[in-house]
Amino acid sequence: MISKIHHVGIVVEKLDHAYTFWRDTLGLPLLREAEIPDQGVRAALLAAGDSEVELLEPIRSDSGVARFLASEGGYETAMDAAKQMTDLALMSLRAADPQGEAGEALSELADKLLQRNQ
C-alpha cells in the first residue's frame, strides 16, 4: 500500500502557461523555480499538501524531457489527469457534505471549479 507520494513530475511546454492551472486555478503555492542546465529543463516545485507537483519545461530540444513532450504530449495528458483528479475530489466533497452544511461559499467554489474543468 502506498502511504505517501513525494512528488509527481509533469512535463509542460511553458511553465508560465502551466501556472494558470496549477497555481492560479488549483491554488498550489510555488515553492521554488530553477533552471537545471545539465538536464535541459526549467523546473518549478509546487506544494500539494504533504506532496509536491514538479512542472518541467524543456529548455533544449535534445533533452529527454523535450523528447518526452514531443512523443507523449506531456501537458495535455497531465491536464486530462488533473481534470479527472479535480472532478473526483469535488465529487467526494459533495458526497461528504450532501446537505451543503460546509456552507454556500464552498459549494460555489466546487461549482466554479467543475465549470472550469469542463
N, C-alpha and C. Protein backbone atom coordinates (compact mmCIF):
# COMPACT_ATOMS: atom_id res chain seq x y z
N MET A 1 0.83 -1.18 0.00
CA MET A 1 0.00 0.00 0.00
C MET A 1 0.88 1.25 0.00
N ILE A 2 0.54 2.21 -0.83
CA ILE A 2 1.28 3.47 -0.89
C ILE A 2 0.82 4.35 0.26
N SER A 3 1.77 4.85 1.05
CA SER A 3 1.40 5.71 2.18
C SER A 3 1.70 7.17 1.90
N LYS A 4 2.59 7.44 0.96
CA LYS A 4 2.91 8.83 0.65
C LYS A 4 3.57 8.91 -0.71
N ILE A 5 3.27 9.97 -1.44
CA ILE A 5 3.93 10.25 -2.71
C ILE A 5 4.72 11.54 -2.50
N HIS A 6 6.03 11.46 -2.71
CA HIS A 6 6.88 12.64 -2.50
C HIS A 6 6.55 13.74 -3.51
N HIS A 7 6.57 13.38 -4.80
CA HIS A 7 6.21 14.36 -5.82
C HIS A 7 5.80 13.66 -7.10
N VAL A 8 5.12 14.41 -7.94
CA VAL A 8 4.71 13.95 -9.25
C VAL A 8 5.31 14.93 -10.25
N GLY A 9 6.01 14.43 -11.25
CA GLY A 9 6.60 15.28 -12.28
C GLY A 9 5.70 15.34 -13.50
N ILE A 10 5.50 16.56 -14.00
CA ILE A 10 4.66 16.76 -15.17
C ILE A 10 5.41 17.63 -16.17
N VAL A 11 5.52 17.14 -17.38
CA VAL A 11 6.20 17.88 -18.44
C VAL A 11 5.22 18.86 -19.07
N VAL A 12 5.66 20.10 -19.21
CA VAL A 12 4.82 21.15 -19.78
C VAL A 12 5.59 21.88 -20.88
N GLU A 13 4.87 22.49 -21.80
CA GLU A 13 5.55 23.27 -22.84
C GLU A 13 6.16 24.53 -22.26
N LYS A 14 5.39 25.26 -21.45
CA LYS A 14 5.83 26.51 -20.86
C LYS A 14 5.34 26.59 -19.42
N LEU A 15 6.25 26.85 -18.49
CA LEU A 15 5.86 26.97 -17.08
C LEU A 15 4.82 28.06 -16.89
N ASP A 16 5.04 29.21 -17.55
CA ASP A 16 4.11 30.33 -17.38
C ASP A 16 2.68 29.94 -17.72
N HIS A 17 2.49 29.14 -18.75
CA HIS A 17 1.15 28.70 -19.12
C HIS A 17 0.61 27.68 -18.11
N ALA A 18 1.48 26.80 -17.64
CA ALA A 18 1.07 25.76 -16.69
C ALA A 18 0.64 26.37 -15.36
N TYR A 19 1.27 27.49 -14.98
CA TYR A 19 0.91 28.15 -13.72
C TYR A 19 -0.57 28.55 -13.69
N THR A 20 -1.13 28.86 -14.85
CA THR A 20 -2.54 29.25 -14.91
C THR A 20 -3.43 28.20 -14.26
N PHE A 21 -3.14 26.93 -14.52
CA PHE A 21 -3.95 25.86 -13.93
C PHE A 21 -3.46 25.49 -12.53
N TRP A 22 -2.19 25.11 -12.43
CA TRP A 22 -1.69 24.52 -11.19
C TRP A 22 -1.64 25.51 -10.03
N ARG A 23 -1.21 26.74 -10.30
CA ARG A 23 -1.09 27.72 -9.23
C ARG A 23 -2.36 28.57 -9.11
N ASP A 24 -2.82 29.12 -10.23
CA ASP A 24 -3.92 30.08 -10.18
C ASP A 24 -5.28 29.42 -9.98
N THR A 25 -5.53 28.30 -10.67
CA THR A 25 -6.83 27.63 -10.53
C THR A 25 -6.88 26.71 -9.31
N LEU A 26 -5.87 25.85 -9.17
CA LEU A 26 -5.87 24.91 -8.05
C LEU A 26 -5.34 25.53 -6.76
N GLY A 27 -4.63 26.64 -6.88
CA GLY A 27 -4.13 27.32 -5.69
C GLY A 27 -2.89 26.68 -5.07
N LEU A 28 -2.14 25.90 -5.84
CA LEU A 28 -0.92 25.29 -5.30
C LEU A 28 0.17 26.35 -5.24
N PRO A 29 0.73 26.60 -4.07
CA PRO A 29 1.76 27.63 -3.96
C PRO A 29 3.10 27.19 -4.56
N LEU A 30 3.75 28.13 -5.22
CA LEU A 30 5.06 27.88 -5.80
C LEU A 30 6.10 27.88 -4.68
N LEU A 31 6.84 26.78 -4.57
CA LEU A 31 7.90 26.68 -3.57
C LEU A 31 9.21 27.23 -4.10
N ARG A 32 9.55 26.82 -5.33
CA ARG A 32 10.76 27.33 -5.96
C ARG A 32 10.75 26.98 -7.44
N GLU A 33 11.53 27.77 -8.17
CA GLU A 33 11.70 27.56 -9.60
C GLU A 33 13.20 27.65 -9.89
N ALA A 34 13.69 26.78 -10.74
CA ALA A 34 15.12 26.79 -11.06
C ALA A 34 15.36 26.21 -12.44
N GLU A 35 16.43 26.67 -13.05
CA GLU A 35 16.89 26.09 -14.30
C GLU A 35 17.93 25.04 -13.96
N ILE A 36 17.79 23.87 -14.58
CA ILE A 36 18.73 22.77 -14.35
C ILE A 36 19.38 22.46 -15.70
N PRO A 37 20.45 23.18 -16.03
CA PRO A 37 21.06 23.08 -17.36
C PRO A 37 21.48 21.67 -17.76
N ASP A 38 22.05 20.91 -16.83
CA ASP A 38 22.53 19.57 -17.21
C ASP A 38 21.39 18.63 -17.60
N GLN A 39 20.16 18.92 -17.14
CA GLN A 39 19.00 18.10 -17.53
C GLN A 39 18.20 18.76 -18.65
N GLY A 40 18.58 20.00 -18.98
CA GLY A 40 17.90 20.70 -20.07
C GLY A 40 16.48 21.12 -19.72
N VAL A 41 16.24 21.47 -18.45
CA VAL A 41 14.89 21.86 -18.03
C VAL A 41 14.89 23.09 -17.14
N ARG A 42 13.76 23.73 -17.13
CA ARG A 42 13.41 24.72 -16.12
C ARG A 42 12.35 24.03 -15.29
N ALA A 43 12.54 23.98 -13.99
CA ALA A 43 11.64 23.22 -13.12
C ALA A 43 10.99 24.13 -12.10
N ALA A 44 9.75 23.81 -11.77
CA ALA A 44 9.02 24.53 -10.72
C ALA A 44 8.43 23.50 -9.78
N LEU A 45 8.56 23.75 -8.49
CA LEU A 45 8.03 22.86 -7.47
C LEU A 45 6.88 23.57 -6.76
N LEU A 46 5.71 22.94 -6.76
CA LEU A 46 4.53 23.50 -6.11
C LEU A 46 4.10 22.57 -4.99
N ALA A 47 3.66 23.14 -3.89
CA ALA A 47 3.20 22.35 -2.75
C ALA A 47 1.79 21.83 -3.03
N ALA A 48 1.58 20.56 -2.68
CA ALA A 48 0.27 19.93 -2.82
C ALA A 48 0.04 19.08 -1.57
N GLY A 49 -0.34 19.74 -0.49
CA GLY A 49 -0.48 19.05 0.79
C GLY A 49 0.88 18.59 1.27
N ASP A 50 0.99 17.31 1.59
CA ASP A 50 2.27 16.74 2.03
C ASP A 50 3.13 16.31 0.85
N SER A 51 2.65 16.53 -0.35
CA SER A 51 3.38 16.15 -1.57
C SER A 51 3.71 17.39 -2.38
N GLU A 52 4.30 17.18 -3.51
CA GLU A 52 4.67 18.29 -4.39
C GLU A 52 4.39 17.92 -5.84
N VAL A 53 4.11 18.93 -6.64
CA VAL A 53 3.97 18.78 -8.09
C VAL A 53 5.17 19.48 -8.70
N GLU A 54 5.92 18.75 -9.52
CA GLU A 54 7.08 19.32 -10.20
C GLU A 54 6.73 19.50 -11.67
N LEU A 55 6.74 20.74 -12.12
CA LEU A 55 6.48 21.05 -13.52
C LEU A 55 7.83 21.20 -14.22
N LEU A 56 7.98 20.56 -15.36
CA LEU A 56 9.25 20.54 -16.09
C LEU A 56 9.06 21.09 -17.50
N GLU A 57 9.75 22.18 -17.78
CA GLU A 57 9.73 22.79 -19.11
C GLU A 57 11.08 22.54 -19.79
N PRO A 58 11.08 21.93 -20.97
CA PRO A 58 12.36 21.71 -21.65
C PRO A 58 12.96 23.04 -22.12
N ILE A 59 14.27 23.18 -21.96
CA ILE A 59 14.95 24.38 -22.47
C ILE A 59 15.90 24.05 -23.61
N ARG A 60 16.05 22.74 -23.88
CA ARG A 60 16.86 22.27 -25.01
C ARG A 60 16.07 21.20 -25.75
N SER A 61 16.11 21.24 -27.06
CA SER A 61 15.36 20.26 -27.85
C SER A 61 15.95 18.85 -27.79
N ASP A 62 17.19 18.72 -27.33
CA ASP A 62 17.82 17.40 -27.27
C ASP A 62 17.69 16.73 -25.90
N SER A 63 16.96 17.34 -24.99
CA SER A 63 16.82 16.76 -23.64
C SER A 63 15.77 15.64 -23.64
N GLY A 64 15.87 14.77 -22.67
CA GLY A 64 14.88 13.71 -22.52
C GLY A 64 13.48 14.25 -22.29
N VAL A 65 13.39 15.35 -21.57
CA VAL A 65 12.08 15.96 -21.30
C VAL A 65 11.47 16.50 -22.60
N ALA A 66 12.30 17.10 -23.46
CA ALA A 66 11.80 17.60 -24.75
C ALA A 66 11.33 16.46 -25.62
N ARG A 67 12.09 15.36 -25.63
CA ARG A 67 11.70 14.19 -26.43
C ARG A 67 10.39 13.59 -25.89
N PHE A 68 10.25 13.54 -24.57
CA PHE A 68 9.01 13.03 -23.99
C PHE A 68 7.83 13.90 -24.38
N LEU A 69 8.00 15.22 -24.29
CA LEU A 69 6.93 16.14 -24.65
C LEU A 69 6.52 15.95 -26.10
N ALA A 70 7.50 15.79 -26.97
CA ALA A 70 7.21 15.60 -28.39
C ALA A 70 6.47 14.30 -28.66
N SER A 71 6.80 13.25 -27.91
CA SER A 71 6.18 11.95 -28.19
C SER A 71 4.88 11.71 -27.41
N GLU A 72 4.78 12.24 -26.21
CA GLU A 72 3.63 11.95 -25.35
C GLU A 72 2.64 13.10 -25.19
N GLY A 73 3.05 14.30 -25.51
CA GLY A 73 2.16 15.44 -25.36
C GLY A 73 2.13 16.01 -23.95
N GLY A 74 2.93 15.48 -23.04
CA GLY A 74 3.10 15.97 -21.67
C GLY A 74 1.96 16.69 -21.02
N TYR A 75 1.82 17.97 -21.30
CA TYR A 75 0.88 18.84 -20.61
C TYR A 75 -0.56 18.43 -20.87
N GLU A 76 -0.90 18.14 -22.12
CA GLU A 76 -2.28 17.76 -22.42
C GLU A 76 -2.67 16.51 -21.65
N THR A 77 -1.77 15.52 -21.63
CA THR A 77 -2.03 14.30 -20.87
C THR A 77 -2.20 14.62 -19.40
N ALA A 78 -1.34 15.47 -18.88
CA ALA A 78 -1.42 15.86 -17.48
C ALA A 78 -2.70 16.64 -17.19
N MET A 79 -3.11 17.49 -18.13
CA MET A 79 -4.33 18.27 -17.93
C MET A 79 -5.54 17.33 -17.84
N ASP A 80 -5.57 16.31 -18.69
CA ASP A 80 -6.66 15.34 -18.63
C ASP A 80 -6.67 14.65 -17.27
N ALA A 81 -5.51 14.24 -16.81
CA ALA A 81 -5.42 13.58 -15.50
C ALA A 81 -5.78 14.54 -14.38
N ALA A 82 -5.32 15.78 -14.47
CA ALA A 82 -5.63 16.77 -13.44
C ALA A 82 -7.12 17.06 -13.40
N LYS A 83 -7.74 17.13 -14.56
CA LYS A 83 -9.19 17.37 -14.61
C LYS A 83 -9.93 16.22 -13.94
N GLN A 84 -9.52 15.01 -14.23
CA GLN A 84 -10.18 13.85 -13.62
C GLN A 84 -9.97 13.83 -12.12
N MET A 85 -8.76 14.16 -11.66
CA MET A 85 -8.50 14.18 -10.22
C MET A 85 -9.31 15.28 -9.52
N THR A 86 -9.40 16.46 -10.15
CA THR A 86 -10.17 17.55 -9.58
C THR A 86 -11.65 17.19 -9.52
N ASP A 87 -12.17 16.63 -10.59
CA ASP A 87 -13.57 16.21 -10.61
C ASP A 87 -13.85 15.18 -9.52
N LEU A 88 -12.94 14.22 -9.36
CA LEU A 88 -13.11 13.20 -8.34
C LEU A 88 -13.10 13.82 -6.94
N ALA A 89 -12.18 14.75 -6.71
CA ALA A 89 -12.11 15.41 -5.40
C ALA A 89 -13.38 16.20 -5.12
N LEU A 90 -13.89 16.87 -6.12
CA LEU A 90 -15.11 17.67 -5.93
C LEU A 90 -16.33 16.76 -5.71
N MET A 91 -16.38 15.64 -6.42
CA MET A 91 -17.48 14.70 -6.20
C MET A 91 -17.40 14.13 -4.80
N SER A 92 -16.18 13.87 -4.32
CA SER A 92 -16.00 13.37 -2.96
C SER A 92 -16.46 14.40 -1.94
N LEU A 93 -16.13 15.66 -2.20
CA LEU A 93 -16.56 16.75 -1.31
C LEU A 93 -18.09 16.80 -1.25
N ARG A 94 -18.72 16.73 -2.39
CA ARG A 94 -20.19 16.77 -2.41
C ARG A 94 -20.79 15.55 -1.70
N ALA A 95 -20.17 14.39 -1.87
CA ALA A 95 -20.67 13.18 -1.21
C ALA A 95 -20.50 13.28 0.31
N ALA A 96 -19.42 13.90 0.75
CA ALA A 96 -19.15 14.04 2.18
C ALA A 96 -20.05 15.09 2.82
N ASP A 97 -20.59 16.00 2.02
CA ASP A 97 -21.40 17.10 2.54
C ASP A 97 -22.66 17.26 1.69
N PRO A 98 -23.53 16.21 1.63
CA PRO A 98 -24.67 16.24 0.73
C PRO A 98 -25.69 17.34 1.03
N GLN A 99 -25.79 17.77 2.27
CA GLN A 99 -26.73 18.82 2.63
C GLN A 99 -26.12 20.22 2.50
N GLY A 100 -24.88 20.30 2.10
CA GLY A 100 -24.24 21.59 1.93
C GLY A 100 -23.97 22.30 3.24
N GLU A 101 -23.75 21.52 4.30
CA GLU A 101 -23.53 22.13 5.60
C GLU A 101 -22.21 22.86 5.70
N ALA A 102 -21.29 22.59 4.77
CA ALA A 102 -20.00 23.27 4.80
C ALA A 102 -20.13 24.72 4.38
N GLY A 103 -21.28 25.06 3.87
CA GLY A 103 -21.53 26.45 3.54
C GLY A 103 -21.66 26.71 2.06
N GLU A 104 -22.35 27.78 1.77
CA GLU A 104 -22.63 28.17 0.40
C GLU A 104 -21.34 28.52 -0.35
N ALA A 105 -20.39 29.16 0.31
CA ALA A 105 -19.15 29.56 -0.35
C ALA A 105 -18.39 28.34 -0.87
N LEU A 106 -18.34 27.27 -0.09
CA LEU A 106 -17.64 26.06 -0.50
C LEU A 106 -18.36 25.42 -1.68
N SER A 107 -19.68 25.43 -1.65
CA SER A 107 -20.46 24.88 -2.75
C SER A 107 -20.24 25.69 -4.03
N GLU A 108 -20.19 27.00 -3.90
CA GLU A 108 -19.94 27.86 -5.06
C GLU A 108 -18.55 27.61 -5.64
N LEU A 109 -17.57 27.41 -4.76
CA LEU A 109 -16.21 27.12 -5.22
C LEU A 109 -16.19 25.80 -5.99
N ALA A 110 -16.85 24.79 -5.47
CA ALA A 110 -16.90 23.49 -6.15
C ALA A 110 -17.54 23.64 -7.52
N ASP A 111 -18.65 24.39 -7.59
CA ASP A 111 -19.31 24.61 -8.88
C ASP A 111 -18.40 25.32 -9.86
N LYS A 112 -17.69 26.34 -9.37
CA LYS A 112 -16.78 27.12 -10.23
C LYS A 112 -15.66 26.24 -10.78
N LEU A 113 -15.08 25.40 -9.93
CA LEU A 113 -14.01 24.51 -10.36
C LEU A 113 -14.51 23.48 -11.36
N LEU A 114 -15.69 22.94 -11.12
CA LEU A 114 -16.25 21.97 -12.05
C LEU A 114 -16.50 22.61 -13.41
N GLN A 115 -16.99 23.84 -13.43
CA GLN A 115 -17.24 24.54 -14.69
C GLN A 115 -15.94 24.78 -15.45
N ARG A 116 -14.87 25.16 -14.74
CA ARG A 116 -13.57 25.40 -15.38
C ARG A 116 -13.01 24.13 -15.99
N ASN A 117 -13.34 23.00 -15.39
CA ASN A 117 -12.78 21.73 -15.86
C ASN A 117 -13.58 21.09 -16.97
N GLN A 118 -14.67 21.69 -17.37
CA GLN A 118 -15.50 21.09 -18.44
C GLN A 118 -15.03 21.49 -19.80
